[in-house]
Each structure stands twice: as structure tokens, then as C-alpha cells.
PDB file of N, CA and C in Angstrom:
ATOM      1  N   UNK A   1       0.834  -1.189   0.000  1.00  0.00           N
ATOM      2  CA  UNK A   1       0.000   0.000   0.000  1.00  0.00           C
ATOM      3  C   UNK A   1       0.877   1.250   0.000  1.00  0.00           C
ATOM      4  N   UNK A   2       1.964   1.213   0.750  1.00  0.00           N
ATOM      5  CA  UNK A   2       2.846   2.383   0.822  1.00  0.00           C
ATOM      6  C   UNK A   2       3.524   2.639  -0.518  1.00  0.00           C
ATOM      7  N   UNK A   3       3.935   1.576  -1.190  1.00  0.00           N
ATOM      8  CA  UNK A   3       4.589   1.741  -2.496  1.00  0.00           C
ATOM      9  C   UNK A   3       3.586   2.278  -3.513  1.00  0.00           C
ATOM     10  N   UNK A   4       2.365   1.765  -3.466  1.00  0.00           N
ATOM     11  CA  UNK A   4       1.325   2.262  -4.369  1.00  0.00           C
ATOM     12  C   UNK A   4       1.028   3.729  -4.136  1.00  0.00           C
ATOM     13  N   UNK A   5       0.996   4.134  -2.887  1.00  0.00           N
ATOM     14  CA  UNK A   5       0.760   5.541  -2.563  1.00  0.00           C
ATOM     15  C   UNK A   5       1.916   6.416  -3.031  1.00  0.00           C
ATOM     16  N   UNK A   6       3.132   5.933  -2.853  1.00  0.00           N
ATOM     17  CA  UNK A   6       4.304   6.698  -3.297  1.00  0.00           C
ATOM     18  C   UNK A   6       4.312   6.855  -4.813  1.00  0.00           C
ATOM     19  N   UNK A   7       3.988   5.790  -5.521  1.00  0.00           N
ATOM     20  CA  UNK A   7       3.925   5.859  -6.986  1.00  0.00           C
ATOM     21  C   UNK A   7       2.830   6.832  -7.417  1.00  0.00           C
ATOM     22  N   UNK A   8       1.709   6.786  -6.731  1.00  0.00           N
ATOM     23  CA  UNK A   8       0.586   7.679  -7.024  1.00  0.00           C
ATOM     24  C   UNK A   8       0.987   9.145  -6.832  1.00  0.00           C
ATOM     25  N   UNK A   9       1.722   9.434  -5.768  1.00  0.00           N
ATOM     26  CA  UNK A   9       2.187  10.801  -5.507  1.00  0.00           C
ATOM     27  C   UNK A   9       3.191  11.238  -6.571  1.00  0.00           C
ATOM     28  N   UNK A  10       4.108  10.354  -6.944  1.00  0.00           N
ATOM     29  CA  UNK A  10       5.117  10.693  -7.958  1.00  0.00           C
ATOM     30  C   UNK A  10       4.453  10.985  -9.300  1.00  0.00           C
ATOM     31  N   UNK A  11       3.460  10.189  -9.677  1.00  0.00           N
ATOM     32  CA  UNK A  11       2.754  10.430 -10.940  1.00  0.00           C
ATOM     33  C   UNK A  11       2.054  11.789 -10.906  1.00  0.00           C
ATOM     34  N   UNK A  12       1.430  12.110  -9.784  1.00  0.00           N
ATOM     35  CA  UNK A  12       0.752  13.404  -9.660  1.00  0.00           C
ATOM     36  C   UNK A  12       1.744  14.559  -9.719  1.00  0.00           C
ATOM     37  N   UNK A  13       2.903  14.399  -9.099  1.00  0.00           N
ATOM     38  CA  UNK A  13       3.917  15.462  -9.127  1.00  0.00           C
ATOM     39  C   UNK A  13       4.452  15.655 -10.543  1.00  0.00           C
ATOM     40  N   UNK A  14       4.646  14.573 -11.263  1.00  0.00           N
ATOM     41  CA  UNK A  14       5.120  14.685 -12.651  1.00  0.00           C
ATOM     42  C   UNK A  14       4.084  15.409 -13.508  1.00  0.00           C
ATOM     43  N   UNK A  15       2.808  15.057 -13.338  1.00  0.00           N
ATOM     44  CA  UNK A  15       1.754  15.753 -14.083  1.00  0.00           C
ATOM     45  C   UNK A  15       1.708  17.235 -13.723  1.00  0.00           C
ATOM     46  N   UNK A  16       1.831  17.536 -12.443  1.00  0.00           N
ATOM     47  CA  UNK A  16       1.827  18.940 -12.024  1.00  0.00           C
ATOM     48  C   UNK A  16       3.039  19.693 -12.555  1.00  0.00           C
ATOM     49  N   UNK A  17       4.191  19.037 -12.589  1.00  0.00           N
ATOM     50  CA  UNK A  17       5.387  19.723 -13.092  1.00  0.00           C
ATOM     51  C   UNK A  17       5.291  19.981 -14.595  1.00  0.00           C
ATOM     52  N   UNK A  18       4.542  19.136 -15.303  1.00  0.00           N
ATOM     53  CA  UNK A  18       4.324  19.400 -16.727  1.00  0.00           C
ATOM     54  C   UNK A  18       3.343  20.559 -16.930  1.00  0.00           C
ATOM     55  N   UNK A  19       2.330  20.631 -16.076  1.00  0.00           N
ATOM     56  CA  UNK A  19       1.329  21.689 -16.205  1.00  0.00           C
ATOM     57  C   UNK A  19       1.786  23.013 -15.602  1.00  0.00           C
ATOM     58  N   UNK A  20       2.536  22.951 -14.527  1.00  0.00           N
ATOM     59  CA  UNK A  20       2.963  24.152 -13.797  1.00  0.00           C
ATOM     60  C   UNK A  20       4.488  24.234 -13.804  1.00  0.00           C
ATOM     61  N   UNK A  21       5.051  24.605 -14.932  1.00  0.00           N
ATOM     62  CA  UNK A  21       6.514  24.617 -15.069  1.00  0.00           C
ATOM     63  C   UNK A  21       7.171  25.793 -14.344  1.00  0.00           C
ATOM     64  N   UNK A  22       6.388  26.778 -13.911  1.00  0.00           N
ATOM     65  CA  UNK A  22       6.982  27.951 -13.256  1.00  0.00           C
ATOM     66  C   UNK A  22       7.300  27.726 -11.786  1.00  0.00           C
ATOM     67  N   UNK A  23       6.858  26.591 -11.222  1.00  0.00           N
ATOM     68  CA  UNK A  23       7.095  26.298  -9.808  1.00  0.00           C
ATOM     69  C   UNK A  23       8.192  25.256  -9.651  1.00  0.00           C
ATOM     70  N   UNK A  24       8.875  25.297  -8.507  1.00  0.00           N
ATOM     71  CA  UNK A  24       9.927  24.326  -8.209  1.00  0.00           C
ATOM     72  C   UNK A  24       9.333  22.936  -8.027  1.00  0.00           C
ATOM     73  N   UNK A  25      10.143  21.933  -8.360  1.00  0.00           N
ATOM     74  CA  UNK A  25       9.713  20.544  -8.204  1.00  0.00           C
ATOM     75  C   UNK A  25       9.467  20.211  -6.736  1.00  0.00           C
ATOM     76  N   UNK A  26      10.332  20.716  -5.863  1.00  0.00           N
ATOM     77  CA  UNK A  26      10.197  20.428  -4.425  1.00  0.00           C
ATOM     78  C   UNK A  26       8.914  21.046  -3.873  1.00  0.00           C
ATOM     79  N   UNK A  27       8.572  22.251  -4.318  1.00  0.00           N
ATOM     80  CA  UNK A  27       7.331  22.887  -3.862  1.00  0.00           C
ATOM     81  C   UNK A  27       6.116  22.097  -4.331  1.00  0.00           C
ATOM     82  N   UNK A  28       6.165  21.612  -5.575  1.00  0.00           N
ATOM     83  CA  UNK A  28       5.061  20.796  -6.086  1.00  0.00           C
ATOM     84  C   UNK A  28       4.966  19.468  -5.346  1.00  0.00           C
ATOM     85  N   UNK A  29       6.113  18.884  -5.020  1.00  0.00           N
ATOM     86  CA  UNK A  29       6.121  17.635  -4.258  1.00  0.00           C
ATOM     87  C   UNK A  29       5.524  17.850  -2.873  1.00  0.00           C
ATOM     88  N   UNK A  30       5.866  18.962  -2.246  1.00  0.00           N
ATOM     89  CA  UNK A  30       5.332  19.257  -0.918  1.00  0.00           C
ATOM     90  C   UNK A  30       3.824  19.473  -0.968  1.00  0.00           C
ATOM     91  N   UNK A  31       3.358  20.231  -1.949  1.00  0.00           N
ATOM     92  CA  UNK A  31       1.919  20.485  -2.074  1.00  0.00           C
ATOM     93  C   UNK A  31       1.153  19.190  -2.342  1.00  0.00           C
ATOM     94  N   UNK A  32       1.700  18.341  -3.195  1.00  0.00           N
ATOM     95  CA  UNK A  32       1.031  17.084  -3.526  1.00  0.00           C
ATOM     96  C   UNK A  32       1.018  16.141  -2.334  1.00  0.00           C
ATOM     97  N   UNK A  33       2.128  16.040  -1.644  1.00  0.00           N
ATOM     98  CA  UNK A  33       2.182  15.180  -0.456  1.00  0.00           C
ATOM     99  C   UNK A  33       1.251  15.688   0.633  1.00  0.00           C
ATOM    100  N   UNK A  34       1.182  16.992   0.791  1.00  0.00           N
ATOM    101  CA  UNK A  34       0.290  17.578   1.781  1.00  0.00           C
ATOM    102  C   UNK A  34      -1.172  17.333   1.421  1.00  0.00           C
ATOM    103  N   UNK A  35      -1.490  17.414   0.136  1.00  0.00           N
ATOM    104  CA  UNK A  35      -2.863  17.153  -0.299  1.00  0.00           C
ATOM    105  C   UNK A  35      -3.219  15.689  -0.104  1.00  0.00           C
ATOM    106  N   UNK A  36      -2.288  14.799  -0.417  1.00  0.00           N
ATOM    107  CA  UNK A  36      -2.557  13.367  -0.277  1.00  0.00           C
ATOM    108  C   UNK A  36      -2.726  12.978   1.186  1.00  0.00           C
ATOM    109  N   UNK A  37      -1.941  13.583   2.050  1.00  0.00           N
ATOM    110  CA  UNK A  37      -2.022  13.267   3.475  1.00  0.00           C
ATOM    111  C   UNK A  37      -3.132  14.046   4.171  1.00  0.00           C
ATOM    112  N   UNK A  38      -3.782  14.946   3.466  1.00  0.00           N
ATOM    113  CA  UNK A  38      -4.862  15.813   3.966  1.00  0.00           C
ATOM    114  C   UNK A  38      -4.490  16.495   5.285  1.00  0.00           C
ATOM    115  N   UNK A  39      -3.307  17.110   5.307  1.00  0.00           N
ATOM    116  CA  UNK A  39      -2.858  17.803   6.513  1.00  0.00           C
ATOM    117  C   UNK A  39      -3.080  19.310   6.437  1.00  0.00           C
ATOM    118  N   UNK A  40      -3.241  19.870   5.239  1.00  0.00           N
ATOM    119  CA  UNK A  40      -3.549  21.285   5.109  1.00  0.00           C
ATOM    120  C   UNK A  40      -2.364  22.219   5.142  1.00  0.00           C
ATOM    121  N   UNK A  41      -1.164  21.691   5.083  1.00  0.00           N
ATOM    122  CA  UNK A  41       0.028  22.545   5.100  1.00  0.00           C
ATOM    123  C   UNK A  41       0.391  22.903   3.659  1.00  0.00           C
ATOM    124  N   UNK A  42       0.820  24.138   3.447  1.00  0.00           N
ATOM    125  CA  UNK A  42       1.171  24.589   2.114  1.00  0.00           C
ATOM    126  C   UNK A  42       2.474  25.374   2.161  1.00  0.00           C
ATOM    127  N   UNK A  43       3.150  25.406   1.031  1.00  0.00           N
ATOM    128  CA  UNK A  43       4.373  26.198   0.910  1.00  0.00           C
ATOM    129  C   UNK A  43       4.023  27.677   0.975  1.00  0.00           C
ATOM    130  N   UNK A  44       2.912  28.055   0.370  1.00  0.00           N
ATOM    131  CA  UNK A  44       2.501  29.452   0.331  1.00  0.00           C
ATOM    132  C   UNK A  44       3.087  30.151  -0.874  1.00  0.00           C
ATOM    133  N   UNK A  45       2.497  31.286  -1.205  1.00  0.00           N
ATOM    134  CA  UNK A  45       2.988  32.039  -2.360  1.00  0.00           C
ATOM    135  C   UNK A  45       3.568  33.388  -1.961  1.00  0.00           C
ATOM    136  N   UNK A  46       3.886  33.539  -0.702  1.00  0.00           N
ATOM    137  CA  UNK A  46       4.439  34.801  -0.233  1.00  0.00           C
ATOM    138  C   UNK A  46       3.402  35.704   0.397  1.00  0.00           C
ATOM    139  N   UNK A  47       2.144  35.411   0.136  1.00  0.00           N
ATOM    140  CA  UNK A  47       1.052  36.176   0.745  1.00  0.00           C
ATOM    141  C   UNK A  47       0.281  35.286   1.697  1.00  0.00           C
ATOM    142  N   UNK A  48      -1.009  35.480   1.699  1.00  0.00           N
ATOM    143  CA  UNK A  48      -1.848  34.682   2.590  1.00  0.00           C
ATOM    144  C   UNK A  48      -2.438  33.464   1.895  1.00  0.00           C
ATOM    145  N   UNK A  49      -2.199  33.313   0.614  1.00  0.00           N
ATOM    146  CA  UNK A  49      -2.761  32.198  -0.143  1.00  0.00           C
ATOM    147  C   UNK A  49      -1.797  31.026  -0.199  1.00  0.00           C
ATOM    148  N   UNK A  50      -2.332  29.864  -0.443  1.00  0.00           N
ATOM    149  CA  UNK A  50      -1.474  28.703  -0.635  1.00  0.00           C
ATOM    150  C   UNK A  50      -0.927  28.723  -2.058  1.00  0.00           C
ATOM    151  N   UNK A  51       0.034  27.879  -2.310  1.00  0.00           N
ATOM    152  CA  UNK A  51       0.621  27.796  -3.644  1.00  0.00           C
ATOM    153  C   UNK A  51      -0.398  27.279  -4.649  1.00  0.00           C
ATOM    154  N   UNK A  52      -1.308  26.428  -4.202  1.00  0.00           N
ATOM    155  CA  UNK A  52      -2.326  25.863  -5.091  1.00  0.00           C
ATOM    156  C   UNK A  52      -3.270  26.926  -5.634  1.00  0.00           C
ATOM    157  N   UNK A  53      -3.367  28.065  -4.973  1.00  0.00           N
ATOM    158  CA  UNK A  53      -4.240  29.136  -5.455  1.00  0.00           C
ATOM    159  C   UNK A  53      -3.752  29.692  -6.788  1.00  0.00           C
ATOM    160  N   UNK A  54      -2.477  29.529  -7.076  1.00  0.00           N
ATOM    161  CA  UNK A  54      -1.909  30.032  -8.329  1.00  0.00           C
ATOM    162  C   UNK A  54      -1.916  28.991  -9.439  1.00  0.00           C
ATOM    163  N   UNK A  55      -2.378  27.776  -9.147  1.00  0.00           N
ATOM    164  CA  UNK A  55      -2.399  26.702 -10.138  1.00  0.00           C
ATOM    165  C   UNK A  55      -3.492  26.954 -11.174  1.00  0.00           C
ATOM    166  N   UNK A  56      -3.303  26.343 -12.343  1.00  0.00           N
ATOM    167  CA  UNK A  56      -4.350  26.362 -13.359  1.00  0.00           C
ATOM    168  C   UNK A  56      -5.460  25.395 -12.942  1.00  0.00           C
ATOM    169  N   UNK A  57      -6.580  25.455 -13.645  1.00  0.00           N
ATOM    170  CA  UNK A  57      -7.719  24.606 -13.283  1.00  0.00           C
ATOM    171  C   UNK A  57      -7.410  23.108 -13.373  1.00  0.00           C
ATOM    172  N   UNK A  58      -6.723  22.620 -14.426  1.00  0.00           N
ATOM    173  CA  UNK A  58      -6.397  21.183 -14.442  1.00  0.00           C
ATOM    174  C   UNK A  58      -5.498  20.765 -13.275  1.00  0.00           C
ATOM    175  N   UNK A  59      -4.606  21.636 -12.865  1.00  0.00           N
ATOM    176  CA  UNK A  59      -3.737  21.324 -11.727  1.00  0.00           C
ATOM    177  C   UNK A  59      -4.528  21.289 -10.427  1.00  0.00           C
ATOM    178  N   UNK A  60      -5.506  22.163 -10.308  1.00  0.00           N
ATOM    179  CA  UNK A  60      -6.358  22.144  -9.119  1.00  0.00           C
ATOM    180  C   UNK A  60      -7.179  20.862  -9.056  1.00  0.00           C
ATOM    181  N   UNK A  61      -7.605  20.370 -10.221  1.00  0.00           N
ATOM    182  CA  UNK A  61      -8.347  19.102 -10.261  1.00  0.00           C
ATOM    183  C   UNK A  61      -7.453  17.959  -9.791  1.00  0.00           C
ATOM    184  N   UNK A  62      -6.184  17.981 -10.183  1.00  0.00           N
ATOM    185  CA  UNK A  62      -5.243  16.949  -9.733  1.00  0.00           C
ATOM    186  C   UNK A  62      -5.095  17.005  -8.217  1.00  0.00           C
ATOM    187  N   UNK A  63      -4.990  18.204  -7.654  1.00  0.00           N
ATOM    188  CA  UNK A  63      -4.881  18.347  -6.199  1.00  0.00           C
ATOM    189  C   UNK A  63      -6.151  17.855  -5.512  1.00  0.00           C
ATOM    190  N   UNK A  64      -7.314  18.146  -6.089  1.00  0.00           N
ATOM    191  CA  UNK A  64      -8.577  17.676  -5.513  1.00  0.00           C
ATOM    192  C   UNK A  64      -8.635  16.155  -5.524  1.00  0.00           C
ATOM    193  N   UNK A  65      -8.216  15.542  -6.624  1.00  0.00           N
ATOM    194  CA  UNK A  65      -8.197  14.076  -6.711  1.00  0.00           C
ATOM    195  C   UNK A  65      -7.232  13.495  -5.690  1.00  0.00           C
ATOM    196  N   UNK A  66      -6.096  14.161  -5.504  1.00  0.00           N
ATOM    197  CA  UNK A  66      -5.141  13.690  -4.497  1.00  0.00           C
ATOM    198  C   UNK A  66      -5.739  13.768  -3.097  1.00  0.00           C
ATOM    199  N   UNK A  67      -6.471  14.833  -2.804  1.00  0.00           N
ATOM    200  CA  UNK A  67      -7.105  14.964  -1.489  1.00  0.00           C
ATOM    201  C   UNK A  67      -8.141  13.867  -1.262  1.00  0.00           C
ATOM    202  N   UNK A  68      -8.976  13.629  -2.261  1.00  0.00           N
ATOM    203  CA  UNK A  68     -10.011  12.602  -2.119  1.00  0.00           C
ATOM    204  C   UNK A  68      -9.417  11.208  -1.986  1.00  0.00           C
ATOM    205  N   UNK A  69      -8.453  10.907  -2.847  1.00  0.00           N
ATOM    206  CA  UNK A  69      -7.864   9.564  -2.805  1.00  0.00           C
ATOM    207  C   UNK A  69      -7.018   9.363  -1.559  1.00  0.00           C
ATOM    208  N   UNK A  70      -6.415  10.411  -1.052  1.00  0.00           N
ATOM    209  CA  UNK A  70      -5.659  10.284   0.188  1.00  0.00           C
ATOM    210  C   UNK A  70      -6.558  10.077   1.386  1.00  0.00           C
ATOM    211  N   UNK A  71      -7.736  10.639   1.322  1.00  0.00           N
ATOM    212  CA  UNK A  71      -8.672  10.504   2.442  1.00  0.00           C
ATOM    213  C   UNK A  71      -9.271   9.101   2.515  1.00  0.00           C
ATOM    214  N   UNK A  72      -9.679   8.557   1.374  1.00  0.00           N
ATOM    215  CA  UNK A  72     -10.328   7.245   1.403  1.00  0.00           C
ATOM    216  C   UNK A  72      -9.378   6.109   1.060  1.00  0.00           C
ATOM    217  N   UNK A  73      -8.194   6.421   0.613  1.00  0.00           N
ATOM    218  CA  UNK A  73      -7.223   5.394   0.260  1.00  0.00           C
ATOM    219  C   UNK A  73      -7.135   5.232  -1.248  1.00  0.00           C
ATOM    220  N   UNK A  74      -5.941   4.932  -1.730  1.00  0.00           N
ATOM    221  CA  UNK A  74      -5.701   4.838  -3.170  1.00  0.00           C
ATOM    222  C   UNK A  74      -6.512   3.704  -3.778  1.00  0.00           C
ATOM    223  N   UNK A  75      -6.441   2.535  -3.186  1.00  0.00           N
ATOM    224  CA  UNK A  75      -7.085   1.376  -3.788  1.00  0.00           C
ATOM    225  C   UNK A  75      -8.603   1.471  -3.704  1.00  0.00           C
ATOM    226  N   UNK A  76      -9.122   1.980  -2.608  1.00  0.00           N
ATOM    227  CA  UNK A  76     -10.572   2.173  -2.500  1.00  0.00           C
ATOM    228  C   UNK A  76     -11.043   3.220  -3.506  1.00  0.00           C
ATOM    229  N   UNK A  77     -10.233   4.260  -3.716  1.00  0.00           N
ATOM    230  CA  UNK A  77     -10.584   5.289  -4.690  1.00  0.00           C
ATOM    231  C   UNK A  77     -10.585   4.719  -6.104  1.00  0.00           C
ATOM    232  N   UNK A  78      -9.551   3.962  -6.445  1.00  0.00           N
ATOM    233  CA  UNK A  78      -9.486   3.376  -7.782  1.00  0.00           C
ATOM    234  C   UNK A  78     -10.591   2.358  -8.004  1.00  0.00           C
ATOM    235  N   UNK A  79     -10.928   1.591  -6.984  1.00  0.00           N
ATOM    236  CA  UNK A  79     -12.024   0.634  -7.115  1.00  0.00           C
ATOM    237  C   UNK A  79     -13.359   1.341  -7.313  1.00  0.00           C
ATOM    238  N   UNK A  80     -13.550   2.453  -6.652  1.00  0.00           N
ATOM    239  CA  UNK A  80     -14.812   3.176  -6.815  1.00  0.00           C
ATOM    240  C   UNK A  80     -14.905   3.836  -8.186  1.00  0.00           C
ATOM    241  N   UNK A  81     -13.770   4.229  -8.753  1.00  0.00           N
ATOM    242  CA  UNK A  81     -13.781   4.870 -10.064  1.00  0.00           C
ATOM    243  C   UNK A  81     -13.944   3.837 -11.175  1.00  0.00           C
ATOM    244  N   UNK A  82     -13.226   2.728 -11.084  1.00  0.00           N
ATOM    245  CA  UNK A  82     -13.224   1.726 -12.143  1.00  0.00           C
ATOM    246  C   UNK A  82     -14.055   0.497 -11.793  1.00  0.00           C
ATOM    247  N   UNK A  83     -15.062   0.674 -11.000  1.00  0.00           N
ATOM    248  CA  UNK A  83     -15.893  -0.439 -10.555  1.00  0.00           C
ATOM    249  C   UNK A  83     -16.736  -0.961 -11.715  1.00  0.00           C
ATOM    250  N   UNK A  84     -16.726  -2.268 -11.886  1.00  0.00           N
ATOM    251  CA  UNK A  84     -17.560  -2.900 -12.896  1.00  0.00           C
ATOM    252  C   UNK A  84     -18.804  -3.435 -12.209  1.00  0.00           C
ATOM    253  N   UNK A  85     -19.940  -3.081 -12.755  1.00  0.00           N
ATOM    254  CA  UNK A  85     -21.188  -3.546 -12.163  1.00  0.00           C
ATOM    255  C   UNK A  85     -21.428  -4.995 -12.554  1.00  0.00           C
ATOM    256  N   UNK A  86     -21.557  -5.820 -11.574  1.00  0.00           N
ATOM    257  CA  UNK A  86     -21.874  -7.225 -11.795  1.00  0.00           C
ATOM    258  C   UNK A  86     -23.211  -7.497 -11.126  1.00  0.00           C
ATOM    259  N   UNK A  87     -24.038  -8.211 -11.841  1.00  0.00           N
ATOM    260  CA  UNK A  87     -25.341  -8.546 -11.281  1.00  0.00           C
ATOM    261  C   UNK A  87     -25.160  -9.601 -10.192  1.00  0.00           C
ATOM    262  N   UNK A  88     -25.743  -9.346  -9.074  1.00  0.00           N
ATOM    263  CA  UNK A  88     -25.670 -10.287  -7.959  1.00  0.00           C
ATOM    264  C   UNK A  88     -27.026 -10.971  -7.844  1.00  0.00           C
ATOM    265  N   UNK A  89     -27.003 -12.269  -8.009  1.00  0.00           N
ATOM    266  CA  UNK A  89     -28.232 -13.044  -7.921  1.00  0.00           C
ATOM    267  C   UNK A  89     -28.304 -13.681  -6.544  1.00  0.00           C
ATOM    268  N   UNK A  90     -29.264 -13.238  -5.782  1.00  0.00           N
ATOM    269  CA  UNK A  90     -29.457 -13.774  -4.445  1.00  0.00           C
ATOM    270  C   UNK A  90     -30.739 -14.592  -4.416  1.00  0.00           C
ATOM    271  N   UNK A  91     -30.664 -15.677  -3.723  1.00  0.00           N
ATOM    272  CA  UNK A  91     -31.859 -16.490  -3.526  1.00  0.00           C
ATOM    273  C   UNK A  91     -32.030 -16.667  -2.028  1.00  0.00           C
ATOM    274  N   UNK A  92     -33.094 -16.085  -1.532  1.00  0.00           N
ATOM    275  CA  UNK A  92     -33.354 -16.162  -0.107  1.00  0.00           C
ATOM    276  C   UNK A  92     -34.065 -17.472   0.220  1.00  0.00           C
ATOM    277  N   UNK A  93     -33.758 -18.031   1.348  1.00  0.00           N
ATOM    278  CA  UNK A  93     -34.422 -19.288   1.726  1.00  0.00           C
ATOM    279  C   UNK A  93     -35.901 -19.044   2.036  1.00  0.00           C
ATOM    280  N   UNK A  94     -36.677 -19.997   1.649  1.00  0.00           N
ATOM    281  CA  UNK A  94     -38.103 -19.921   1.913  1.00  0.00           C
ATOM    282  C   UNK A  94     -38.464 -20.994   2.921  1.00  0.00           C
ATOM    283  N   UNK A  95     -39.345 -20.663   3.787  1.00  0.00           N
ATOM    284  CA  UNK A  95     -39.762 -21.639   4.779  1.00  0.00           C
ATOM    285  C   UNK A  95     -41.025 -21.195   5.485  1.00  0.00           C
ATOM    286  N   UNK A  96     -41.623 -22.112   6.132  1.00  0.00           N
ATOM    287  CA  UNK A  96     -42.844 -21.845   6.867  1.00  0.00           C
ATOM    288  C   UNK A  96     -42.521 -21.882   8.350  1.00  0.00           C
ATOM    289  N   UNK A  97     -42.889 -20.826   9.052  1.00  0.00           N
ATOM    290  CA  UNK A  97     -42.623 -20.751  10.479  1.00  0.00           C
ATOM    291  C   UNK A  97     -43.936 -20.985  11.218  1.00  0.00           C
ATOM    292  N   UNK A  98     -43.946 -21.984  12.057  1.00  0.00           N
ATOM    293  CA  UNK A  98     -45.126 -22.278  12.865  1.00  0.00           C
ATOM    294  C   UNK A  98     -44.938 -21.695  14.255  1.00  0.00           C
ATOM    295  N   UNK A  99     -45.917 -20.966  14.695  1.00  0.00           N
ATOM    296  CA  UNK A  99     -45.866 -20.397  16.035  1.00  0.00           C
ATOM    297  C   UNK A  99     -46.899 -21.024  16.930  1.00  0.00           C
TER     298      UNK A  99
END
């Protein structure tokens, strides 16, 4: 689970570094790790806003996905996204109860 989470964070950081080339890799790694761990810590942009406030909309979506998947877990998140609906056939037992 830890390796899967680390790979998930690295993929998100690579995507963010492609979309947000004006920011340092370490700052993007910190923001992504903070979002995944849902701790609320940010590098900041020098003012009162977090660094994510300066991101483009696709980058903000990546951060939102990281927050959601970090909260419920990577594998549970992926299962909920890629879930295949299978019909479940249940047959309940029938019987007569005498009182």
C-alpha cells in the first residue's frame, strides 16, 4: 500500500510539473504530499494564499483528486472509479414458520 501511494504521488507530481513549469519541483512535491495526506500545510505564495491558489484549473483538479484519494485510500478510490457492475443473484431461503 505504501509503495502504491508513493507511486501515485510521484505520478501526480510529474503531471503537475508538466502543467505548472513555473514552480519548483520540491514545492510541487510538498503540495502534492500535503494534499494526499490531507494535513492542510502549504508552501505558500508569499502572501496569505497557498501555492495551489496560483495553479491552473487542471492542476487544481489533480490536487482535488489527491485529497479525495488520500482521504479514502488509493485502492478504494481506484475501485470506486473503475468499478464494474456485476449482477448479484441472491436467492433467499423460503420456509414456513409455525408459532
